[in-house]
Amino acid sequence: MIGRNLVVTPPPHLKQRDAVAHAMRDVALALVPVTLVAFYFFRLNAVIMWVLCVGAAVLTEIVVRPMLGQKPQIGNMSAVVTGWLLALCFSPTTAWWTAVIGAILAVGVAKELMGGLGWNWFNPALFGRVVPVVLAPLFSWIGPVLSSTRFRFAMADVMSQATPLAMLKGRDLAGAPTPVDLLTAYPGGALGEVSALALIAGGLYLMLRKHISWRIPAGMIATVFVLTLVLGRYPVHQVLSGGLLLAAFFMATDWVTAPVTGNGRLIFGIAIGVLVVLFRVFGAPPEGVGFSVLLMNPTAHWIDRMTRPKLFGQK
């Protein structure tokens, strides 16, 4: 009789009318520090990249949801946060059409076509970042066509040298930033890689607000540090550079695509850390955080089942 009134819904399990919007606003606040550092270093290009990704994400939701017979939910800020995270995954010299395609894939495919908020299998922002890379040959014709149009914007002055991860890949640290540079502020790589300290501050804020658990970030960071230390691959640089901290605090901890059990979250973070090291050390590209998180996203439900605590008295 008790079970008749139980309602089963997908995560996030936030039942107040505006709880999702409040949580998304907290995520946006947590992203402000690293975004401001990116704006300082890359100036107009960073601002344009942010506007393109957020604007395309919101517009995609406005267009796609009515096509699926649903009303747009711009007020909950989920599309804004998805576009914001996607912008931080791109470098300041990324083609504008790549950013727009990524936002359309993130919101239109990974989020809405997979069931909407609470049902998606993959983190939408990382999906929008990785899929254009995988499908780059299919989009090869877009660049020349759009480059011939008048819609362009001036490129900002950015680093022409190798990124910190590329230097680590070749074990060439001549001229590489120091750990202090990477911790505070250094204009290398994507917009979200400019300051490890800003990302840590945002992550701690989300922990204090109880939106994320420490287990996934701790599992990822500790695993990458230990394994790269054993392999002699500059563990401090590996942790502070690339997209590791951005993914650890803001993407791998996604309520929908991560486990909900305590032990499951720790296992999830450790597994992602192992994959990151495999990609970075033995893979062709220097970075592999996005692929690692996406590969583990579909396993979250299985990990929850394997780590589900037993009821008292259960055999």
Protein backbone atom coordinates (compact mmCIF):
# COMPACT_ATOMS: atom_id res chain seq x y z
CA MET A 1 0.00 0.00 0.00
CA ILE A 2 2.86 2.36 0.77
CA GLY A 3 4.33 2.02 -2.71
CA ARG A 4 1.25 3.26 -4.53
CA ASN A 5 2.12 6.93 -4.14
CA LEU A 6 5.82 6.64 -4.92
CA VAL A 7 6.93 8.68 -7.94
CA VAL A 8 10.03 7.57 -9.84
CA THR A 9 11.84 10.31 -11.74
CA PRO A 10 15.30 10.67 -13.30
CA PRO A 11 18.08 12.71 -11.66
CA PRO A 12 18.68 15.46 -10.68
CA HIS A 13 16.28 14.81 -7.77
CA LEU A 14 15.46 18.47 -7.08
CA LYS A 15 11.75 18.81 -6.41
CA GLN A 16 11.28 22.50 -5.68
CA ARG A 17 9.87 24.39 -8.65
CA ASP A 18 12.98 26.50 -9.20
CA ALA A 19 15.61 24.19 -7.66
CA VAL A 20 17.21 23.36 -11.01
CA ALA A 21 17.43 27.05 -11.90
CA HIS A 22 19.06 27.83 -8.54
CA ALA A 23 21.58 25.03 -9.02
CA MET A 24 22.38 26.18 -12.55
CA ARG A 25 22.87 29.73 -11.33
CA ASP A 26 25.36 28.43 -8.79
CA VAL A 27 27.23 26.59 -11.55
CA ALA A 28 27.28 29.79 -13.60
CA LEU A 29 28.67 31.72 -10.61
CA ALA A 30 31.34 29.05 -10.16
CA LEU A 31 32.38 29.50 -13.80
CA VAL A 32 32.75 33.28 -13.53
CA PRO A 33 36.37 33.34 -12.20
CA VAL A 34 37.91 31.23 -14.97
CA THR A 35 35.78 32.99 -17.58
CA LEU A 36 37.00 36.42 -16.47
CA VAL A 37 40.63 35.23 -16.65
CA ALA A 38 39.98 33.95 -20.18
CA PHE A 39 38.42 37.30 -21.15
CA TYR A 40 41.49 39.08 -19.76
CA PHE A 41 43.97 37.02 -21.78
CA PHE A 42 42.06 36.47 -25.02
CA ARG A 43 39.86 39.57 -24.95
CA LEU A 44 37.42 39.91 -27.88
CA ASN A 45 37.91 36.37 -29.18
CA ALA A 46 37.00 34.86 -25.82
CA VAL A 47 33.93 37.07 -25.52
CA ILE A 48 32.77 36.17 -29.03
CA MET A 49 33.33 32.46 -28.41
CA TRP A 50 31.25 32.67 -25.21
CA VAL A 51 28.44 34.58 -26.93
CA LEU A 52 28.38 32.16 -29.87
CA CYS A 53 28.22 29.02 -27.75
CA VAL A 54 25.69 30.31 -25.23
CA GLY A 55 23.55 31.97 -27.89
CA ALA A 56 23.55 28.91 -30.16
CA ALA A 57 22.74 26.63 -27.21
CA VAL A 58 19.76 28.75 -26.12
CA LEU A 59 18.50 29.17 -29.69
CA THR A 60 18.76 25.41 -30.27
CA GLU A 61 16.58 24.72 -27.24
CA ILE A 62 14.02 27.30 -28.40
CA VAL A 63 13.84 25.62 -31.82
CA VAL A 64 14.14 21.93 -30.92
CA ARG A 65 11.82 21.60 -27.93
CA PRO A 66 8.68 22.79 -29.78
CA MET A 67 9.55 20.32 -32.55
CA LEU A 68 9.41 17.60 -29.89
CA GLY A 69 6.09 18.88 -28.56
CA GLN A 70 7.58 20.53 -25.46
CA LYS A 71 7.92 24.10 -24.23
CA PRO A 72 11.38 25.71 -24.03
CA GLN A 73 12.82 25.89 -20.51
CA ILE A 74 15.22 28.78 -20.86
CA GLY A 75 14.45 29.90 -17.31
CA ASN A 76 16.17 26.90 -15.73
CA MET A 77 19.48 28.01 -17.36
CA SER A 78 20.48 24.48 -18.36
CA ALA A 79 21.06 25.55 -21.98
CA VAL A 80 23.04 28.60 -20.82
CA VAL A 81 25.32 26.50 -18.62
CA THR A 82 25.78 23.91 -21.38
CA GLY A 83 26.82 26.59 -23.86
CA TRP A 84 29.04 28.24 -21.25
CA LEU A 85 30.89 24.99 -20.50
CA LEU A 86 31.23 24.29 -24.20
CA ALA A 87 32.81 27.70 -24.79
CA LEU A 88 35.41 26.96 -22.13
CA CYS A 89 36.33 23.76 -23.98
CA PHE A 90 37.30 25.65 -27.15
CA SER A 91 40.47 27.58 -27.86
CA PRO A 92 40.17 31.30 -28.71
CA THR A 93 41.13 30.60 -32.33
CA THR A 94 38.42 27.98 -32.95
CA ALA A 95 36.33 28.65 -36.07
CA TRP A 96 32.98 30.23 -35.22
CA TRP A 97 31.04 27.60 -37.16
CA THR A 98 32.68 24.83 -35.12
CA ALA A 99 31.40 26.48 -31.94
CA VAL A 100 27.89 26.78 -33.38
CA ILE A 101 27.82 23.15 -34.57
CA GLY A 102 29.09 22.04 -31.16
CA ALA A 103 26.31 23.93 -29.38
CA ILE A 104 23.66 22.47 -31.68
CA LEU A 105 24.94 18.94 -31.07
CA ALA A 106 25.23 19.53 -27.31
CA VAL A 107 21.69 20.81 -26.76
CA GLY A 108 19.83 19.49 -29.77
CA VAL A 109 21.22 15.95 -29.78
CA ALA A 110 22.90 15.06 -26.48
CA LYS A 111 20.30 16.82 -24.36
CA GLU A 112 16.92 17.11 -26.09
CA LEU A 113 16.89 14.17 -28.52
CA MET A 114 18.09 11.86 -25.76
CA GLY A 115 15.08 12.65 -23.61
CA GLY A 116 15.70 16.14 -22.25
CA LEU A 117 17.10 17.29 -18.94
CA GLY A 118 17.56 14.32 -16.63
CA TRP A 119 17.61 11.61 -19.31
CA ASN A 120 20.74 12.27 -21.37
CA TRP A 121 23.39 9.57 -21.41
CA PHE A 122 26.35 11.83 -22.12
CA ASN A 123 27.48 15.16 -20.71
CA PRO A 124 26.07 17.58 -23.32
CA ALA A 125 28.96 20.08 -23.30
CA LEU A 126 31.61 17.41 -23.78
CA PHE A 127 29.46 15.73 -26.41
CA GLY A 128 29.35 19.01 -28.31
CA ARG A 129 33.12 19.38 -28.00
CA VAL A 130 34.18 15.85 -28.94
CA VAL A 131 31.74 14.92 -31.72
CA PRO A 132 32.89 17.71 -34.10
CA VAL A 133 36.43 16.39 -33.65
CA VAL A 134 35.37 12.83 -34.47
CA LEU A 135 33.23 13.94 -37.42
CA ALA A 136 35.72 16.53 -38.68
CA PRO A 137 35.99 14.92 -42.16
CA LEU A 138 32.22 15.32 -42.62
CA PHE A 139 32.47 19.04 -41.83
CA SER A 140 35.59 19.66 -43.93
CA TRP A 141 33.57 21.42 -46.64
CA ILE A 142 32.04 23.94 -44.23
CA GLY A 143 35.25 25.83 -43.50
CA PRO A 144 36.08 26.90 -47.08
CA VAL A 145 32.45 27.82 -47.80
CA LEU A 146 31.99 29.96 -44.70
CA SER A 147 35.48 31.44 -44.96
CA SER A 148 34.48 32.91 -48.31
CA THR A 149 31.61 34.82 -46.71
CA ARG A 150 31.87 38.24 -45.13
CA PHE A 151 30.99 37.00 -41.66
CA ARG A 152 34.36 37.04 -39.91
CA PHE A 153 35.83 38.46 -36.78
CA ALA A 154 39.37 39.54 -36.04
CA MET A 155 41.58 36.97 -34.39
CA ALA A 156 43.09 37.93 -31.06
CA ASP A 157 46.79 37.77 -30.36
CA VAL A 158 47.29 34.34 -28.83
CA MET A 159 50.14 31.99 -28.10
CA SER A 160 51.77 30.50 -31.19
CA GLN A 161 53.86 28.03 -29.20
CA ALA A 162 52.89 24.53 -28.17
CA THR A 163 50.38 24.13 -25.36
CA PRO A 164 51.62 22.81 -22.00
CA LEU A 165 50.15 19.36 -22.71
CA ALA A 166 51.91 19.21 -26.09
CA MET A 167 55.18 19.99 -24.34
CA LEU A 168 54.53 17.25 -21.80
CA LYS A 169 53.72 14.84 -24.60
CA GLY A 170 57.16 15.42 -26.12
CA ARG A 171 58.82 15.58 -22.70
CA ASP A 172 60.15 18.99 -23.67
CA LEU A 173 59.72 21.44 -20.81
CA ALA A 174 62.08 24.04 -22.25
CA GLY A 175 60.12 27.27 -22.06
CA ALA A 176 57.16 25.49 -20.49
CA PRO A 177 55.16 27.26 -17.77
CA THR A 178 55.99 26.47 -14.18
CA PRO A 179 53.44 24.88 -11.85
CA VAL A 180 52.93 28.31 -10.28
CA ASP A 181 52.10 29.76 -13.71
CA LEU A 182 49.59 27.00 -14.40
CA LEU A 183 48.05 27.39 -10.96
CA THR A 184 47.55 31.14 -11.15
CA ALA A 185 47.14 32.24 -14.77
CA TYR A 186 48.66 31.12 -18.07
CA PRO A 187 47.18 31.67 -21.58
CA GLY A 188 47.65 28.23 -23.09
CA GLY A 189 45.13 25.90 -24.70
CA ALA A 190 41.37 26.29 -24.31
CA LEU A 191 39.54 29.11 -22.54
CA GLY A 192 38.92 26.88 -19.53
CA GLU A 193 42.62 26.07 -19.10
CA VAL A 194 43.85 29.56 -18.25
CA SER A 195 43.82 29.25 -14.45
CA ALA A 196 43.77 26.14 -12.30
CA LEU A 197 43.19 28.29 -9.20
CA ALA A 198 40.03 29.79 -10.69
CA LEU A 199 38.70 26.31 -11.47
CA ILE A 200 39.52 25.04 -7.99
CA ALA A 201 37.75 28.03 -6.46
CA GLY A 202 34.67 27.32 -8.55
CA GLY A 203 34.76 23.64 -7.63
CA LEU A 204 35.06 24.37 -3.92
CA TYR A 205 32.09 26.73 -4.19
CA LEU A 206 29.96 23.97 -5.71
CA MET A 207 31.05 21.61 -2.94
CA LEU A 208 30.16 24.12 -0.25
CA ARG A 209 26.78 24.57 -1.89
CA LYS A 210 26.47 20.75 -1.86
CA HIS A 211 25.88 20.52 -5.60
CA ILE A 212 28.78 18.13 -6.17
CA SER A 213 30.65 15.56 -4.10
CA TRP A 214 34.41 15.56 -3.53
CA ARG A 215 34.70 11.91 -4.58
CA ILE A 216 34.72 12.25 -8.38
CA PRO A 217 37.21 15.17 -8.53
CA ALA A 218 39.41 13.54 -5.89
CA GLY A 219 39.36 10.20 -7.71
CA MET A 220 40.27 11.77 -11.05
CA ILE A 221 42.98 14.12 -9.77
CA ALA A 222 44.62 11.58 -7.44
CA THR A 223 44.65 8.87 -10.11
CA VAL A 224 46.22 11.11 -12.73
CA PHE A 225 48.81 12.34 -10.25
CA VAL A 226 49.82 8.88 -9.01
CA LEU A 227 49.94 7.20 -12.43
CA THR A 228 51.91 10.00 -14.11
CA LEU A 229 54.28 10.05 -11.12
CA VAL A 230 54.92 6.33 -11.59
CA LEU A 231 55.42 6.83 -15.34
CA GLY A 232 57.70 9.83 -14.83
CA ARG A 233 55.39 12.23 -16.70
CA TYR A 234 55.48 15.39 -14.57
CA PRO A 235 52.44 14.76 -12.36
CA VAL A 236 51.97 18.35 -11.12
CA HIS A 237 51.95 19.69 -14.68
CA GLN A 238 49.55 16.93 -15.74
CA VAL A 239 47.05 17.85 -13.05
CA LEU A 240 47.22 21.61 -13.52
CA SER A 241 47.22 21.71 -17.33
CA GLY A 242 44.68 20.69 -19.94
CA GLY A 243 41.02 20.20 -19.22
CA LEU A 244 41.39 17.88 -16.22
CA LEU A 245 40.22 20.30 -13.53
CA LEU A 246 37.42 21.73 -15.67
CA ALA A 247 36.06 18.24 -16.29
CA ALA A 248 36.68 17.04 -12.74
CA PHE A 249 34.67 19.81 -11.08
CA PHE A 250 32.09 20.75 -13.71
CA MET A 251 31.49 17.88 -16.16
CA ALA A 252 32.30 14.50 -14.64
CA THR A 253 30.18 15.53 -11.63
CA ASP A 254 27.09 16.11 -13.80
CA TRP A 255 24.07 14.91 -11.78
CA VAL A 256 22.58 12.96 -14.67
CA THR A 257 25.59 11.21 -16.17
CA ALA A 258 27.49 10.32 -12.99
CA PRO A 259 26.80 7.70 -10.30
CA VAL A 260 24.86 8.68 -7.19
CA THR A 261 26.36 6.25 -4.67
CA GLY A 262 29.44 7.32 -2.70
CA ASN A 263 31.60 4.37 -3.65
CA GLY A 264 30.29 4.54 -7.21
CA ARG A 265 31.41 8.15 -7.56
CA LEU A 266 34.90 7.30 -6.33
CA ILE A 267 35.17 4.37 -8.75
CA PHE A 268 33.84 6.57 -11.54
CA GLY A 269 36.47 9.25 -10.89
CA ILE A 270 39.30 6.73 -10.66
CA ALA A 271 38.26 5.06 -13.92
CA ILE A 272 38.18 8.42 -15.72
CA GLY A 273 41.63 9.23 -14.33
CA VAL A 274 43.02 5.95 -15.67
CA LEU A 275 41.59 6.65 -19.13
CA VAL A 276 42.99 10.19 -19.10
CA VAL A 277 46.49 8.90 -18.43
CA LEU A 278 46.16 6.25 -21.14
CA PHE A 279 45.07 8.88 -23.66
CA ARG A 280 47.72 11.40 -22.65
CA VAL A 281 50.66 9.01 -22.41
CA PHE A 282 49.93 6.39 -25.05
CA GLY A 283 47.42 8.10 -27.36
CA ALA A 284 48.18 10.24 -30.38
CA PRO A 285 46.56 13.53 -29.21
CA PRO A 286 48.00 15.12 -26.05
CA GLU A 287 44.57 15.50 -24.40
CA GLY A 288 41.89 12.89 -23.74
CA VAL A 289 39.76 14.16 -20.87
CA GLY A 290 36.64 14.65 -22.98
CA PHE A 291 36.81 11.17 -24.48
CA SER A 292 37.47 9.67 -21.05
CA VAL A 293 34.41 11.23 -19.42
CA LEU A 294 32.14 10.35 -22.36
CA LEU A 295 33.32 6.73 -22.35
CA MET A 296 32.46 6.43 -18.67
CA ASN A 297 29.09 8.26 -18.80
CA PRO A 298 27.06 5.21 -19.98
CA THR A 299 28.53 3.10 -17.15
CA ALA A 300 27.15 5.31 -14.37
CA HIS A 301 23.93 3.32 -13.98
CA TRP A 302 25.82 0.02 -13.96
CA ILE A 303 28.27 1.34 -11.34
CA ASP A 304 25.34 2.44 -9.17
CA ARG A 305 23.85 -1.05 -9.35
CA MET A 306 27.17 -2.65 -8.41
CA THR A 307 27.77 -0.29 -5.47
CA ARG A 308 24.20 -0.05 -4.19
CA PRO A 309 24.25 -0.36 -0.38
CA LYS A 310 22.42 -3.34 1.08
CA LEU A 311 19.34 -2.80 3.18
CA PHE A 312 19.56 -3.70 6.85
CA GLY A 313 18.93 -7.43 7.20
CA GLN A 314 19.28 -8.08 3.47
CA LYS A 315 21.19 -11.23 2.51
